[in-house]
Protein backbone atom coordinates (compact mmCIF):
# COMPACT_ATOMS: atom_id res chain seq x y z
CA MET A 1 167.64 -77.64 196.30
CA GLU A 2 170.90 -78.75 197.88
CA LYS A 3 171.08 -81.79 195.60
CA ILE A 4 170.43 -79.67 192.50
CA TYR A 5 173.08 -77.17 193.62
CA HIS A 6 175.74 -79.87 194.02
CA GLY A 7 174.73 -81.51 190.73
CA ILE A 8 175.00 -78.24 188.82
CA ASN A 9 178.32 -77.48 190.48
CA ARG A 10 179.68 -80.89 189.48
CA ILE A 11 178.61 -80.41 185.86
CA VAL A 12 180.10 -76.92 185.71
CA GLU A 13 183.35 -78.16 187.28
CA ILE A 14 183.65 -80.91 184.65
CA VAL A 15 182.94 -78.44 181.84
CA LEU A 16 185.50 -75.96 183.20
CA VAL A 17 188.19 -78.64 183.54
CA ALA A 18 187.45 -79.87 180.00
CA ILE A 19 187.67 -76.36 178.56
CA PHE A 20 190.92 -75.72 180.39
CA ALA A 21 192.40 -79.03 179.21
CA LEU A 22 191.41 -78.24 175.61
CA LEU A 23 192.91 -74.78 175.97
CA VAL A 24 196.22 -76.22 177.20
CA LEU A 25 196.29 -78.80 174.39
CA ASP A 26 195.48 -76.10 171.84
CA VAL A 27 198.29 -73.84 173.00
CA LEU A 28 200.76 -76.75 173.12
CA TRP A 29 199.74 -77.70 169.58
CA GLN A 30 200.22 -74.09 168.50
CA VAL A 31 203.74 -73.97 169.98
CA PHE A 32 204.61 -77.41 168.55
CA GLY A 33 203.37 -76.37 165.13
CA ARG A 34 205.30 -73.13 165.07
CA TYR A 35 208.62 -74.31 166.45
CA VAL A 36 208.82 -77.97 165.43
CA LEU A 37 206.75 -78.21 162.26
CA LYS A 38 207.54 -74.61 161.21
CA GLN A 39 203.89 -74.17 160.32
CA SER A 40 201.26 -71.99 161.95
CA PHE A 41 197.71 -73.30 162.19
CA SER A 42 195.06 -70.62 161.82
CA PHE A 43 192.47 -72.21 164.09
CA THR A 44 194.63 -72.48 167.22
CA GLU A 45 194.66 -68.79 168.11
CA GLU A 46 190.95 -68.45 167.53
CA PHE A 47 190.11 -71.59 169.52
CA ALA A 48 192.28 -70.35 172.41
CA ARG A 49 190.40 -67.05 172.42
CA PHE A 50 187.00 -68.74 172.40
CA ALA A 51 188.02 -71.22 175.11
CA LEU A 52 189.29 -68.37 177.28
CA ILE A 53 185.99 -66.51 176.84
CA TRP A 54 184.02 -69.57 177.93
CA LEU A 55 186.43 -70.34 180.77
CA SER A 56 186.33 -66.84 182.23
CA ILE A 57 182.58 -66.20 181.98
CA LEU A 58 181.52 -69.66 183.14
CA GLY A 59 184.21 -69.60 185.83
CA ALA A 60 182.91 -66.27 187.11
CA ALA A 61 179.39 -67.70 187.43
CA TYR A 62 180.76 -70.79 189.20
CA LEU A 63 182.78 -68.72 191.69
CA ASN A 64 179.77 -66.52 192.29
CA GLY A 65 177.74 -69.59 193.16
CA LYS A 66 180.36 -70.86 195.57
CA ARG A 67 180.67 -67.36 197.04
CA GLU A 68 184.40 -67.40 196.35
CA HIS A 69 184.45 -64.40 194.05
CA LEU A 70 186.52 -61.37 194.88
CA SER A 71 184.74 -59.04 197.27
CA MET A 72 185.50 -56.35 199.77
CA ASP A 73 183.57 -57.31 202.89
CA PHE A 74 185.29 -55.18 205.50
CA LEU A 75 182.18 -53.06 206.10
CA LEU A 76 179.87 -56.09 205.98
CA GLN A 77 181.79 -57.68 208.85
CA LYS A 78 180.95 -54.69 211.02
CA LEU A 79 177.16 -55.16 210.64
CA SER A 80 174.92 -56.88 213.14
CA PRO A 81 173.56 -60.30 212.07
CA ASP A 82 170.12 -58.87 211.23
CA LYS A 83 171.52 -56.03 209.13
CA LEU A 84 173.99 -58.41 207.49
CA LYS A 85 171.16 -60.75 206.52
CA LYS A 86 169.16 -57.92 204.95
CA ARG A 87 172.23 -56.52 203.18
CA MET A 88 173.14 -59.93 201.76
CA GLN A 89 169.58 -60.40 200.51
CA ILE A 90 169.74 -57.03 198.75
CA ILE A 91 173.11 -57.89 197.21
CA GLU A 92 171.86 -61.26 195.97
CA MET A 93 168.70 -59.65 194.55
CA LEU A 94 170.80 -57.06 192.72
CA MET A 95 173.01 -59.81 191.30
CA PHE A 96 169.87 -61.69 190.22
CA VAL A 97 168.48 -58.62 188.44
CA PHE A 98 171.87 -57.87 186.81
CA ALA A 99 172.19 -61.45 185.58
CA LEU A 100 168.62 -61.39 184.25
CA VAL A 101 168.78 -58.04 182.47
CA VAL A 102 172.36 -57.90 181.24
CA MET A 103 173.37 -61.52 180.82
CA VAL A 104 170.18 -63.44 180.04
CA ILE A 105 168.16 -60.83 178.15
CA GLY A 106 171.08 -58.86 176.70
CA GLY A 107 173.19 -61.94 176.06
CA GLY A 108 170.20 -63.75 174.60
CA ASN A 109 169.64 -60.86 172.19
CA LEU A 110 173.31 -60.96 171.24
CA VAL A 111 173.13 -64.70 170.55
CA TYR A 112 169.93 -64.31 168.54
CA THR A 113 171.33 -61.42 166.51
CA THR A 114 174.58 -63.17 165.64
CA LEU A 115 172.78 -66.38 164.73
CA TYR A 116 170.22 -64.45 162.66
CA LEU A 117 172.91 -62.49 160.84
CA GLY A 118 174.97 -65.62 160.28
CA GLN A 119 178.21 -64.24 161.69
CA VAL A 120 180.92 -66.88 161.69
CA SER A 121 184.48 -66.89 162.96
CA PRO A 122 187.08 -66.42 160.21
CA ALA A 123 189.34 -69.40 160.90
CA MET A 124 187.07 -72.08 162.38
CA HIS A 125 183.86 -71.07 160.58
CA VAL A 126 181.85 -71.49 163.79
CA SER A 127 178.79 -69.33 164.31
CA LEU A 128 179.63 -66.63 166.84
CA GLY A 129 176.19 -67.12 168.35
CA TYR A 130 177.46 -70.40 169.80
CA ILE A 131 180.48 -68.65 171.27
CA TYR A 132 178.33 -65.90 172.81
CA ALA A 133 175.83 -68.45 174.17
CA ILE A 134 177.92 -68.74 177.33
CA VAL A 135 176.72 -65.28 178.41
CA PRO A 136 173.01 -66.17 178.90
CA ILE A 137 173.96 -69.65 180.17
CA SER A 138 176.15 -68.10 182.85
CA GLY A 139 173.45 -65.54 183.59
CA LEU A 140 170.98 -68.34 184.28
CA LEU A 141 173.55 -69.98 186.54
CA ILE A 142 174.08 -66.75 188.48
CA MET A 143 170.32 -66.36 188.88
CA PHE A 144 170.05 -69.91 190.23
CA TYR A 145 172.99 -69.33 192.56
CA SER A 146 171.45 -66.08 193.82
CA VAL A 147 168.21 -67.83 194.72
CA TYR A 148 170.16 -70.66 196.35
CA ASN A 149 172.38 -68.25 198.31
CA ILE A 150 169.37 -66.30 199.59
CA GLN A 151 167.74 -69.53 200.72
CA MET A 152 170.92 -70.83 202.36
CA TYR A 153 171.63 -67.52 204.05
CA ASN A 154 168.10 -67.40 205.43
CA ASN A 155 168.39 -70.97 206.74
CA LYS A 156 171.70 -70.24 208.47
CA HIS A 157 170.61 -67.04 210.15
CA THR A 158 166.98 -67.56 211.15
């Protein structure tokens, strides 16, 4: 499981860096076009919005997996090791259920609906289902990370 975890992390890191690099290039092209060429390109604003959506949602799943997301753990630090272990298992299970219900099932329905209805973006003419696909993908990642974190936490504190 450790090997799979590191492999998935490496893939997600590469994808996040690529999205960020494309976002930077897109914004630079937008500024260059407006101020040097005196022409505004319609796709640049839309691409920047879509890249930011993917970057933030996928980045949130990645940080969740590395346990580097923002949290308030003041009260958790006060618990005994046994109570902390149980509390962390409950938290990970709740995150698993949230990711399953809201992100995978709900996001999957959103992707299906937008693909079925044929909704496309106005400037790039890309199906919005492909843009929204990051929601169930990130949900699956969070579910995997929750299972991994439960396993790792149990191994550390048994």
